[in-house]
mmCIF file of all heavy atoms, coordinates in Angstrom:
data_MODEL
# 
_entry.id   MODEL 
# 
loop_
_atom_site.group_PDB 
_atom_site.id 
_atom_site.type_symbol 
_atom_site.label_atom_id 
_atom_site.label_alt_id 
_atom_site.label_comp_id 
_atom_site.label_asym_id 
_atom_site.label_entity_id 
_atom_site.label_seq_id 
_atom_site.pdbx_PDB_ins_code 
_atom_site.Cartn_x 
_atom_site.Cartn_y 
_atom_site.Cartn_z 
_atom_site.occupancy 
_atom_site.B_iso_or_equiv 
_atom_site.pdbx_formal_charge 
_atom_site.auth_seq_id 
_atom_site.auth_comp_id 
_atom_site.auth_asym_id 
_atom_site.auth_atom_id 
_atom_site.pdbx_PDB_model_num 
ATOM 1   N N   . ASN A 1 1  ? 0.835  -1.149 0.002   1.00 0.00 ? 1  ASN A N   1 
ATOM 2   C CA  . ASN A 1 1  ? -0.021 -0.033 -0.023  1.00 0.00 ? 1  ASN A CA  1 
ATOM 3   C C   . ASN A 1 1  ? 0.898  1.281  0.019   1.00 0.00 ? 1  ASN A C   1 
ATOM 4   O O   . ASN A 1 1  ? 0.381  2.351  0.388   1.00 0.00 ? 1  ASN A O   1 
ATOM 5   C CB  . ASN A 1 1  ? -0.964 0.019  1.118   1.00 0.00 ? 1  ASN A CB  1 
ATOM 6   C CG  . ASN A 1 1  ? -2.008 -1.063 1.149   1.00 0.00 ? 1  ASN A CG  1 
ATOM 7   O OD1 . ASN A 1 1  ? -2.355 -1.527 0.046   1.00 0.00 ? 1  ASN A OD1 1 
ATOM 8   N ND2 . ASN A 1 1  ? -2.382 -1.619 2.321   1.00 0.00 ? 1  ASN A ND2 1 
ATOM 9   N N   . ILE A 1 2  ? 2.084  1.140  -0.459  1.00 0.00 ? 2  ILE A N   1 
ATOM 10  C CA  . ILE A 1 2  ? 2.977  2.297  -0.564  1.00 0.00 ? 2  ILE A CA  1 
ATOM 11  C C   . ILE A 1 2  ? 3.031  2.820  -1.991  1.00 0.00 ? 2  ILE A C   1 
ATOM 12  O O   . ILE A 1 2  ? 3.246  2.011  -2.866  1.00 0.00 ? 2  ILE A O   1 
ATOM 13  C CB  . ILE A 1 2  ? 4.405  2.005  -0.182  1.00 0.00 ? 2  ILE A CB  1 
ATOM 14  C CG1 . ILE A 1 2  ? 4.466  1.500  1.308   1.00 0.00 ? 2  ILE A CG1 1 
ATOM 15  C CG2 . ILE A 1 2  ? 5.272  3.244  -0.282  1.00 0.00 ? 2  ILE A CG2 1 
ATOM 16  C CD1 . ILE A 1 2  ? 5.834  0.980  1.743   1.00 0.00 ? 2  ILE A CD1 1 
ATOM 17  N N   . PRO A 1 3  ? 2.643  4.098  -2.276  1.00 0.00 ? 3  PRO A N   1 
ATOM 18  C CA  . PRO A 1 3  ? 2.687  4.516  -3.641  1.00 0.00 ? 3  PRO A CA  1 
ATOM 19  C C   . PRO A 1 3  ? 4.083  4.365  -4.223  1.00 0.00 ? 3  PRO A C   1 
ATOM 20  O O   . PRO A 1 3  ? 5.033  4.771  -3.658  1.00 0.00 ? 3  PRO A O   1 
ATOM 21  C CB  . PRO A 1 3  ? 2.417  6.059  -3.512  1.00 0.00 ? 3  PRO A CB  1 
ATOM 22  C CG  . PRO A 1 3  ? 1.562  6.135  -2.250  1.00 0.00 ? 3  PRO A CG  1 
ATOM 23  C CD  . PRO A 1 3  ? 2.119  5.093  -1.310  1.00 0.00 ? 3  PRO A CD  1 
ATOM 24  N N   . THR A 1 4  ? 4.138  3.656  -5.371  1.00 0.00 ? 4  THR A N   1 
ATOM 25  C CA  . THR A 1 4  ? 5.467  3.296  -5.931  1.00 0.00 ? 4  THR A CA  1 
ATOM 26  C C   . THR A 1 4  ? 5.434  3.497  -7.430  1.00 0.00 ? 4  THR A C   1 
ATOM 27  O O   . THR A 1 4  ? 4.385  3.242  -8.167  1.00 0.00 ? 4  THR A O   1 
ATOM 28  C CB  . THR A 1 4  ? 5.716  1.788  -5.705  1.00 0.00 ? 4  THR A CB  1 
ATOM 29  O OG1 . THR A 1 4  ? 5.634  1.516  -4.339  1.00 0.00 ? 4  THR A OG1 1 
ATOM 30  C CG2 . THR A 1 4  ? 7.129  1.445  -6.157  1.00 0.00 ? 4  THR A CG2 1 
ATOM 31  N N   . ARG A 1 5  ? 6.463  4.089  -8.023  1.00 0.00 ? 5  ARG A N   1 
ATOM 32  C CA  . ARG A 1 5  ? 6.637  4.237  -9.396  1.00 0.00 ? 5  ARG A CA  1 
ATOM 33  C C   . ARG A 1 5  ? 8.014  3.940  -9.848  1.00 0.00 ? 5  ARG A C   1 
ATOM 34  O O   . ARG A 1 5  ? 8.935  4.076  -9.155  1.00 0.00 ? 5  ARG A O   1 
ATOM 35  C CB  . ARG A 1 5  ? 6.242  5.663  -9.865  1.00 0.00 ? 5  ARG A CB  1 
ATOM 36  C CG  . ARG A 1 5  ? 7.216  6.723  -9.547  1.00 0.00 ? 5  ARG A CG  1 
ATOM 37  C CD  . ARG A 1 5  ? 6.669  8.094  -10.030 1.00 0.00 ? 5  ARG A CD  1 
ATOM 38  N NE  . ARG A 1 5  ? 7.701  9.168  -10.081 1.00 0.00 ? 5  ARG A NE  1 
ATOM 39  C CZ  . ARG A 1 5  ? 8.062  9.868  -9.066  1.00 0.00 ? 5  ARG A CZ  1 
ATOM 40  N NH1 . ARG A 1 5  ? 7.457  9.748  -7.906  1.00 0.00 ? 5  ARG A NH1 1 
ATOM 41  N NH2 . ARG A 1 5  ? 8.980  10.845 -9.201  1.00 0.00 ? 5  ARG A NH2 1 
ATOM 42  N N   . ALA A 1 6  ? 8.041  3.447  -11.186 1.00 0.00 ? 6  ALA A N   1 
ATOM 43  C CA  . ALA A 1 6  ? 9.354  3.149  -11.798 1.00 0.00 ? 6  ALA A CA  1 
ATOM 44  C C   . ALA A 1 6  ? 9.641  4.217  -12.856 1.00 0.00 ? 6  ALA A C   1 
ATOM 45  O O   . ALA A 1 6  ? 8.743  4.560  -13.709 1.00 0.00 ? 6  ALA A O   1 
ATOM 46  C CB  . ALA A 1 6  ? 9.311  1.744  -12.362 1.00 0.00 ? 6  ALA A CB  1 
ATOM 47  N N   . GLU A 1 7  ? 10.852 4.742  -12.833 1.00 0.00 ? 7  GLU A N   1 
ATOM 48  C CA  . GLU A 1 7  ? 11.206 5.838  -13.801 1.00 0.00 ? 7  GLU A CA  1 
ATOM 49  C C   . GLU A 1 7  ? 12.369 5.344  -14.632 1.00 0.00 ? 7  GLU A C   1 
ATOM 50  O O   . GLU A 1 7  ? 13.348 4.673  -14.079 1.00 0.00 ? 7  GLU A O   1 
ATOM 51  C CB  . GLU A 1 7  ? 11.656 7.092  -12.996 1.00 0.00 ? 7  GLU A CB  1 
ATOM 52  C CG  . GLU A 1 7  ? 10.561 7.820  -12.340 1.00 0.00 ? 7  GLU A CG  1 
ATOM 53  C CD  . GLU A 1 7  ? 10.050 8.945  -13.175 1.00 0.00 ? 7  GLU A CD  1 
ATOM 54  O OE1 . GLU A 1 7  ? 10.388 9.005  -14.390 1.00 0.00 ? 7  GLU A OE1 1 
ATOM 55  O OE2 . GLU A 1 7  ? 9.264  9.776  -12.688 1.00 0.00 ? 7  GLU A OE2 1 
ATOM 56  N N   . ILE A 1 8  ? 12.315 5.704  -15.963 1.00 0.00 ? 8  ILE A N   1 
ATOM 57  C CA  . ILE A 1 8  ? 13.506 5.459  -16.843 1.00 0.00 ? 8  ILE A CA  1 
ATOM 58  C C   . ILE A 1 8  ? 14.560 6.510  -16.470 1.00 0.00 ? 8  ILE A C   1 
ATOM 59  O O   . ILE A 1 8  ? 14.302 7.692  -16.437 1.00 0.00 ? 8  ILE A O   1 
ATOM 60  C CB  . ILE A 1 8  ? 13.094 5.624  -18.282 1.00 0.00 ? 8  ILE A CB  1 
ATOM 61  C CG1 . ILE A 1 8  ? 12.057 4.537  -18.591 1.00 0.00 ? 8  ILE A CG1 1 
ATOM 62  C CG2 . ILE A 1 8  ? 14.279 5.523  -19.157 1.00 0.00 ? 8  ILE A CG2 1 
ATOM 63  C CD1 . ILE A 1 8  ? 11.446 4.755  -20.049 1.00 0.00 ? 8  ILE A CD1 1 
ATOM 64  N N   . ALA A 1 9  ? 15.725 6.076  -16.084 1.00 0.00 ? 9  ALA A N   1 
ATOM 65  C CA  . ALA A 1 9  ? 16.760 6.914  -15.587 1.00 0.00 ? 9  ALA A CA  1 
ATOM 66  C C   . ALA A 1 9  ? 17.135 8.079  -16.496 1.00 0.00 ? 9  ALA A C   1 
ATOM 67  O O   . ALA A 1 9  ? 17.275 9.233  -16.029 1.00 0.00 ? 9  ALA A O   1 
ATOM 68  C CB  . ALA A 1 9  ? 18.031 6.143  -15.248 1.00 0.00 ? 9  ALA A CB  1 
ATOM 69  N N   . SER A 1 10 ? 17.175 7.842  -17.821 1.00 0.00 ? 10 SER A N   1 
ATOM 70  C CA  . SER A 1 10 ? 17.507 8.893  -18.730 1.00 0.00 ? 10 SER A CA  1 
ATOM 71  C C   . SER A 1 10 ? 16.474 9.929  -18.811 1.00 0.00 ? 10 SER A C   1 
ATOM 72  O O   . SER A 1 10 ? 16.775 11.112 -19.277 1.00 0.00 ? 10 SER A O   1 
ATOM 73  C CB  . SER A 1 10 ? 17.818 8.229  -20.126 1.00 0.00 ? 10 SER A CB  1 
ATOM 74  O OG  . SER A 1 10 ? 16.657 7.640  -20.582 1.00 0.00 ? 10 SER A OG  1 
ATOM 75  N N   . GLU A 1 11 ? 15.166 9.629  -18.516 1.00 0.00 ? 11 GLU A N   1 
ATOM 76  C CA  . GLU A 1 11 ? 14.150 10.595 -18.390 1.00 0.00 ? 11 GLU A CA  1 
ATOM 77  C C   . GLU A 1 11 ? 14.111 11.342 -17.039 1.00 0.00 ? 11 GLU A C   1 
ATOM 78  O O   . GLU A 1 11 ? 14.014 12.544 -16.945 1.00 0.00 ? 11 GLU A O   1 
ATOM 79  C CB  . GLU A 1 11 ? 12.798 9.995  -18.648 1.00 0.00 ? 11 GLU A CB  1 
ATOM 80  C CG  . GLU A 1 11 ? 12.629 9.471  -20.065 1.00 0.00 ? 11 GLU A CG  1 
ATOM 81  C CD  . GLU A 1 11 ? 12.499 10.636 -21.069 1.00 0.00 ? 11 GLU A CD  1 
ATOM 82  O OE1 . GLU A 1 11 ? 11.962 11.656 -20.808 1.00 0.00 ? 11 GLU A OE1 1 
ATOM 83  O OE2 . GLU A 1 11 ? 13.170 10.442 -22.148 1.00 0.00 ? 11 GLU A OE2 1 
ATOM 84  N N   . PHE A 1 12 ? 14.341 10.542 -16.015 1.00 0.00 ? 12 PHE A N   1 
ATOM 85  C CA  . PHE A 1 12 ? 14.257 11.057 -14.643 1.00 0.00 ? 12 PHE A CA  1 
ATOM 86  C C   . PHE A 1 12 ? 15.325 12.210 -14.439 1.00 0.00 ? 12 PHE A C   1 
ATOM 87  O O   . PHE A 1 12 ? 15.057 13.212 -13.855 1.00 0.00 ? 12 PHE A O   1 
ATOM 88  C CB  . PHE A 1 12 ? 14.490 9.968  -13.622 1.00 0.00 ? 12 PHE A CB  1 
ATOM 89  C CG  . PHE A 1 12 ? 14.701 10.448 -12.214 1.00 0.00 ? 12 PHE A CG  1 
ATOM 90  C CD1 . PHE A 1 12 ? 13.613 10.775 -11.457 1.00 0.00 ? 12 PHE A CD1 1 
ATOM 91  C CD2 . PHE A 1 12 ? 16.015 10.506 -11.664 1.00 0.00 ? 12 PHE A CD2 1 
ATOM 92  C CE1 . PHE A 1 12 ? 13.801 11.205 -10.154 1.00 0.00 ? 12 PHE A CE1 1 
ATOM 93  C CE2 . PHE A 1 12 ? 16.100 10.966 -10.365 1.00 0.00 ? 12 PHE A CE2 1 
ATOM 94  C CZ  . PHE A 1 12 ? 15.069 11.372 -9.621  1.00 0.00 ? 12 PHE A CZ  1 
ATOM 95  N N   . ARG A 1 13 ? 16.536 11.961 -14.952 1.00 0.00 ? 13 ARG A N   1 
ATOM 96  C CA  . ARG A 1 13 ? 17.575 12.924 -14.726 1.00 0.00 ? 13 ARG A CA  1 
ATOM 97  C C   . ARG A 1 13 ? 17.364 14.251 -15.313 1.00 0.00 ? 13 ARG A C   1 
ATOM 98  O O   . ARG A 1 13 ? 17.998 15.275 -14.856 1.00 0.00 ? 13 ARG A O   1 
ATOM 99  C CB  . ARG A 1 13 ? 19.011 12.301 -15.165 1.00 0.00 ? 13 ARG A CB  1 
ATOM 100 C CG  . ARG A 1 13 ? 19.109 12.181 -16.730 1.00 0.00 ? 13 ARG A CG  1 
ATOM 101 C CD  . ARG A 1 13 ? 20.431 11.574 -17.085 1.00 0.00 ? 13 ARG A CD  1 
ATOM 102 N NE  . ARG A 1 13 ? 21.548 12.386 -16.792 1.00 0.00 ? 13 ARG A NE  1 
ATOM 103 C CZ  . ARG A 1 13 ? 22.789 12.159 -17.165 1.00 0.00 ? 13 ARG A CZ  1 
ATOM 104 N NH1 . ARG A 1 13 ? 23.033 11.058 -17.822 1.00 0.00 ? 13 ARG A NH1 1 
ATOM 105 N NH2 . ARG A 1 13 ? 23.759 12.962 -16.830 1.00 0.00 ? 13 ARG A NH2 1 
ATOM 106 N N   . TYR A 1 14 ? 16.544 14.308 -16.342 1.00 0.00 ? 14 TYR A N   1 
ATOM 107 C CA  . TYR A 1 14 ? 16.297 15.621 -16.963 1.00 0.00 ? 14 TYR A CA  1 
ATOM 108 C C   . TYR A 1 14 ? 14.942 16.131 -16.675 1.00 0.00 ? 14 TYR A C   1 
ATOM 109 O O   . TYR A 1 14 ? 14.475 17.215 -17.228 1.00 0.00 ? 14 TYR A O   1 
ATOM 110 C CB  . TYR A 1 14 ? 16.507 15.612 -18.449 1.00 0.00 ? 14 TYR A CB  1 
ATOM 111 C CG  . TYR A 1 14 ? 17.979 15.302 -18.794 1.00 0.00 ? 14 TYR A CG  1 
ATOM 112 C CD1 . TYR A 1 14 ? 18.429 14.110 -19.358 1.00 0.00 ? 14 TYR A CD1 1 
ATOM 113 C CD2 . TYR A 1 14 ? 18.987 16.272 -18.502 1.00 0.00 ? 14 TYR A CD2 1 
ATOM 114 C CE1 . TYR A 1 14 ? 19.730 13.894 -19.628 1.00 0.00 ? 14 TYR A CE1 1 
ATOM 115 C CE2 . TYR A 1 14 ? 20.285 16.050 -18.790 1.00 0.00 ? 14 TYR A CE2 1 
ATOM 116 C CZ  . TYR A 1 14 ? 20.720 14.814 -19.362 1.00 0.00 ? 14 TYR A CZ  1 
ATOM 117 O OH  . TYR A 1 14 ? 22.045 14.642 -19.608 1.00 0.00 ? 14 TYR A OH  1 
ATOM 118 N N   . LYS A 1 15 ? 14.162 15.536 -15.811 1.00 0.00 ? 15 LYS A N   1 
ATOM 119 C CA  . LYS A 1 15 ? 12.844 16.079 -15.367 1.00 0.00 ? 15 LYS A CA  1 
ATOM 120 C C   . LYS A 1 15 ? 13.020 16.891 -14.110 1.00 0.00 ? 15 LYS A C   1 
ATOM 121 O O   . LYS A 1 15 ? 14.018 16.727 -13.376 1.00 0.00 ? 15 LYS A O   1 
ATOM 122 C CB  . LYS A 1 15 ? 11.843 14.954 -15.046 1.00 0.00 ? 15 LYS A CB  1 
ATOM 123 C CG  . LYS A 1 15 ? 11.319 14.200 -16.273 1.00 0.00 ? 15 LYS A CG  1 
ATOM 124 C CD  . LYS A 1 15 ? 10.597 12.957 -15.802 1.00 0.00 ? 15 LYS A CD  1 
ATOM 125 C CE  . LYS A 1 15 ? 9.485  13.195 -14.906 1.00 0.00 ? 15 LYS A CE  1 
ATOM 126 N NZ  . LYS A 1 15 ? 8.767  11.927 -14.532 1.00 0.00 ? 15 LYS A NZ  1 
ATOM 127 N N   . HIS A 1 16 ? 12.151 17.818 -13.909 1.00 0.00 ? 16 HIS A N   1 
ATOM 128 C CA  . HIS A 1 16 ? 12.160 18.535 -12.640 1.00 0.00 ? 16 HIS A CA  1 
ATOM 129 C C   . HIS A 1 16 ? 11.271 17.664 -11.654 1.00 0.00 ? 16 HIS A C   1 
ATOM 130 O O   . HIS A 1 16 ? 10.141 17.973 -11.338 1.00 0.00 ? 16 HIS A O   1 
ATOM 131 C CB  . HIS A 1 16 ? 11.534 19.906 -12.764 1.00 0.00 ? 16 HIS A CB  1 
ATOM 132 C CG  . HIS A 1 16 ? 11.508 20.708 -11.488 1.00 0.00 ? 16 HIS A CG  1 
ATOM 133 N ND1 . HIS A 1 16 ? 12.708 21.057 -10.862 1.00 0.00 ? 16 HIS A ND1 1 
ATOM 134 C CD2 . HIS A 1 16 ? 10.531 21.066 -10.707 1.00 0.00 ? 16 HIS A CD2 1 
ATOM 135 C CE1 . HIS A 1 16 ? 12.393 21.730 -9.743  1.00 0.00 ? 16 HIS A CE1 1 
ATOM 136 N NE2 . HIS A 1 16 ? 11.045 21.730 -9.624  1.00 0.00 ? 16 HIS A NE2 1 
ATOM 137 N N   . THR A 1 17 ? 11.897 16.628 -11.143 1.00 0.00 ? 17 THR A N   1 
ATOM 138 C CA  . THR A 1 17 ? 11.229 15.701 -10.218 1.00 0.00 ? 17 THR A CA  1 
ATOM 139 C C   . THR A 1 17 ? 11.461 16.169 -8.810  1.00 0.00 ? 17 THR A C   1 
ATOM 140 O O   . THR A 1 17 ? 12.604 16.239 -8.358  1.00 0.00 ? 17 THR A O   1 
ATOM 141 C CB  . THR A 1 17 ? 11.706 14.311 -10.452 1.00 0.00 ? 17 THR A CB  1 
ATOM 142 O OG1 . THR A 1 17 ? 11.470 13.830 -11.788 1.00 0.00 ? 17 THR A OG1 1 
ATOM 143 C CG2 . THR A 1 17 ? 10.987 13.298 -9.478  1.00 0.00 ? 17 THR A CG2 1 
ATOM 144 N N   . VAL A 1 18 ? 10.371 16.382 -8.050  1.00 0.00 ? 18 VAL A N   1 
ATOM 145 C CA  . VAL A 1 18 ? 10.483 16.670 -6.642  1.00 0.00 ? 18 VAL A CA  1 
ATOM 146 C C   . VAL A 1 18 ? 10.277 15.308 -5.879  1.00 0.00 ? 18 VAL A C   1 
ATOM 147 O O   . VAL A 1 18 ? 9.207  14.753 -5.953  1.00 0.00 ? 18 VAL A O   1 
ATOM 148 C CB  . VAL A 1 18 ? 9.481  17.728 -6.264  1.00 0.00 ? 18 VAL A CB  1 
ATOM 149 C CG1 . VAL A 1 18 ? 9.527  17.956 -4.737  1.00 0.00 ? 18 VAL A CG1 1 
ATOM 150 C CG2 . VAL A 1 18 ? 9.654  18.936 -7.075  1.00 0.00 ? 18 VAL A CG2 1 
ATOM 151 N N   . ILE A 1 19 ? 11.296 14.973 -5.156  1.00 0.00 ? 19 ILE A N   1 
ATOM 152 C CA  . ILE A 1 19 ? 11.222 13.734 -4.334  1.00 0.00 ? 19 ILE A CA  1 
ATOM 153 C C   . ILE A 1 19 ? 10.688 14.058 -2.971  1.00 0.00 ? 19 ILE A C   1 
ATOM 154 O O   . ILE A 1 19 ? 11.257 14.851 -2.187  1.00 0.00 ? 19 ILE A O   1 
ATOM 155 C CB  . ILE A 1 19 ? 12.596 13.032 -4.198  1.00 0.00 ? 19 ILE A CB  1 
ATOM 156 C CG1 . ILE A 1 19 ? 13.108 12.689 -5.609  1.00 0.00 ? 19 ILE A CG1 1 
ATOM 157 C CG2 . ILE A 1 19 ? 12.508 11.716 -3.444  1.00 0.00 ? 19 ILE A CG2 1 
ATOM 158 C CD1 . ILE A 1 19 ? 14.510 12.116 -5.667  1.00 0.00 ? 19 ILE A CD1 1 
ATOM 159 N N   . ALA A 1 20 ? 9.564  13.554 -2.617  1.00 0.00 ? 20 ALA A N   1 
ATOM 160 C CA  . ALA A 1 20 ? 8.800  13.842 -1.409  1.00 0.00 ? 20 ALA A CA  1 
ATOM 161 C C   . ALA A 1 20 ? 9.680  13.328 -0.155  1.00 0.00 ? 20 ALA A C   1 
ATOM 162 O O   . ALA A 1 20 ? 10.380 12.390 -0.323  1.00 0.00 ? 20 ALA A O   1 
ATOM 163 C CB  . ALA A 1 20 ? 7.483  13.233 -1.357  1.00 0.00 ? 20 ALA A CB  1 
ATOM 164 N N   . PRO A 1 21 ? 9.476  13.966 0.991   1.00 0.00 ? 21 PRO A N   1 
ATOM 165 C CA  . PRO A 1 21 ? 10.150 13.433 2.213   1.00 0.00 ? 21 PRO A CA  1 
ATOM 166 C C   . PRO A 1 21 ? 9.710  12.044 2.450   1.00 0.00 ? 21 PRO A C   1 
ATOM 167 O O   . PRO A 1 21 ? 8.606  11.595 2.032   1.00 0.00 ? 21 PRO A O   1 
ATOM 168 C CB  . PRO A 1 21 ? 9.649  14.405 3.308   1.00 0.00 ? 21 PRO A CB  1 
ATOM 169 C CG  . PRO A 1 21 ? 9.290  15.641 2.624   1.00 0.00 ? 21 PRO A CG  1 
ATOM 170 C CD  . PRO A 1 21 ? 8.679  15.184 1.194   1.00 0.00 ? 21 PRO A CD  1 
ATOM 171 N N   . LYS A 1 22 ? 10.586 11.291 3.137   1.00 0.00 ? 22 LYS A N   1 
ATOM 172 C CA  . LYS A 1 22 ? 10.349 9.831  3.416   1.00 0.00 ? 22 LYS A CA  1 
ATOM 173 C C   . LYS A 1 22 ? 10.161 9.002  2.155   1.00 0.00 ? 22 LYS A C   1 
ATOM 174 O O   . LYS A 1 22 ? 9.370  7.966  2.245   1.00 0.00 ? 22 LYS A O   1 
ATOM 175 C CB  . LYS A 1 22 ? 9.131  9.684  4.413   1.00 0.00 ? 22 LYS A CB  1 
ATOM 176 C CG  . LYS A 1 22 ? 9.348  10.425 5.700   1.00 0.00 ? 22 LYS A CG  1 
ATOM 177 C CD  . LYS A 1 22 ? 8.145  10.158 6.679   1.00 0.00 ? 22 LYS A CD  1 
ATOM 178 C CE  . LYS A 1 22 ? 8.428  10.813 7.962   1.00 0.00 ? 22 LYS A CE  1 
ATOM 179 N NZ  . LYS A 1 22 ? 7.273  10.628 8.968   1.00 0.00 ? 22 LYS A NZ  1 
ATOM 180 N N   . THR A 1 23 ? 10.823 9.370  1.102   1.00 0.00 ? 23 THR A N   1 
ATOM 181 C CA  . THR A 1 23 ? 10.825 8.476  -0.085  1.00 0.00 ? 23 THR A CA  1 
ATOM 182 C C   . THR A 1 23 ? 12.011 7.629  -0.091  1.00 0.00 ? 23 THR A C   1 
ATOM 183 O O   . THR A 1 23 ? 13.143 8.029  0.143   1.00 0.00 ? 23 THR A O   1 
ATOM 184 C CB  . THR A 1 23 ? 10.835 9.401  -1.418  1.00 0.00 ? 23 THR A CB  1 
ATOM 185 O OG1 . THR A 1 23 ? 9.596  10.113 -1.380  1.00 0.00 ? 23 THR A OG1 1 
ATOM 186 C CG2 . THR A 1 23 ? 10.927 8.509  -2.603  1.00 0.00 ? 23 THR A CG2 1 
ATOM 187 N N   . LEU A 1 24 ? 11.825 6.324  -0.341  1.00 0.00 ? 24 LEU A N   1 
ATOM 188 C CA  . LEU A 1 24 ? 12.879 5.359  -0.533  1.00 0.00 ? 24 LEU A CA  1 
ATOM 189 C C   . LEU A 1 24 ? 13.174 5.256  -2.093  1.00 0.00 ? 24 LEU A C   1 
ATOM 190 O O   . LEU A 1 24 ? 12.236 4.978  -2.791  1.00 0.00 ? 24 LEU A O   1 
ATOM 191 C CB  . LEU A 1 24 ? 12.551 4.008  0.029   1.00 0.00 ? 24 LEU A CB  1 
ATOM 192 C CG  . LEU A 1 24 ? 13.582 2.830  -0.328  1.00 0.00 ? 24 LEU A CG  1 
ATOM 193 C CD1 . LEU A 1 24 ? 14.935 3.112  0.423   1.00 0.00 ? 24 LEU A CD1 1 
ATOM 194 C CD2 . LEU A 1 24 ? 12.979 1.559  0.085   1.00 0.00 ? 24 LEU A CD2 1 
ATOM 195 N N   . VAL A 1 25 ? 14.417 5.623  -2.489  1.00 0.00 ? 25 VAL A N   1 
ATOM 196 C CA  . VAL A 1 25 ? 14.770 5.557  -3.910  1.00 0.00 ? 25 VAL A CA  1 
ATOM 197 C C   . VAL A 1 25 ? 15.608 4.266  -4.106  1.00 0.00 ? 25 VAL A C   1 
ATOM 198 O O   . VAL A 1 25 ? 16.693 4.140  -3.506  1.00 0.00 ? 25 VAL A O   1 
ATOM 199 C CB  . VAL A 1 25 ? 15.568 6.743  -4.365  1.00 0.00 ? 25 VAL A CB  1 
ATOM 200 C CG1 . VAL A 1 25 ? 16.012 6.690  -5.775  1.00 0.00 ? 25 VAL A CG1 1 
ATOM 201 C CG2 . VAL A 1 25 ? 14.677 8.033  -4.218  1.00 0.00 ? 25 VAL A CG2 1 
# 
């Protein structure tokens, strides 16, 4: 029940992604 998503690294690195507190990467 934890919100989870998979990101393509080459896209993630150039997005303005805000990582919420208490996020496990």
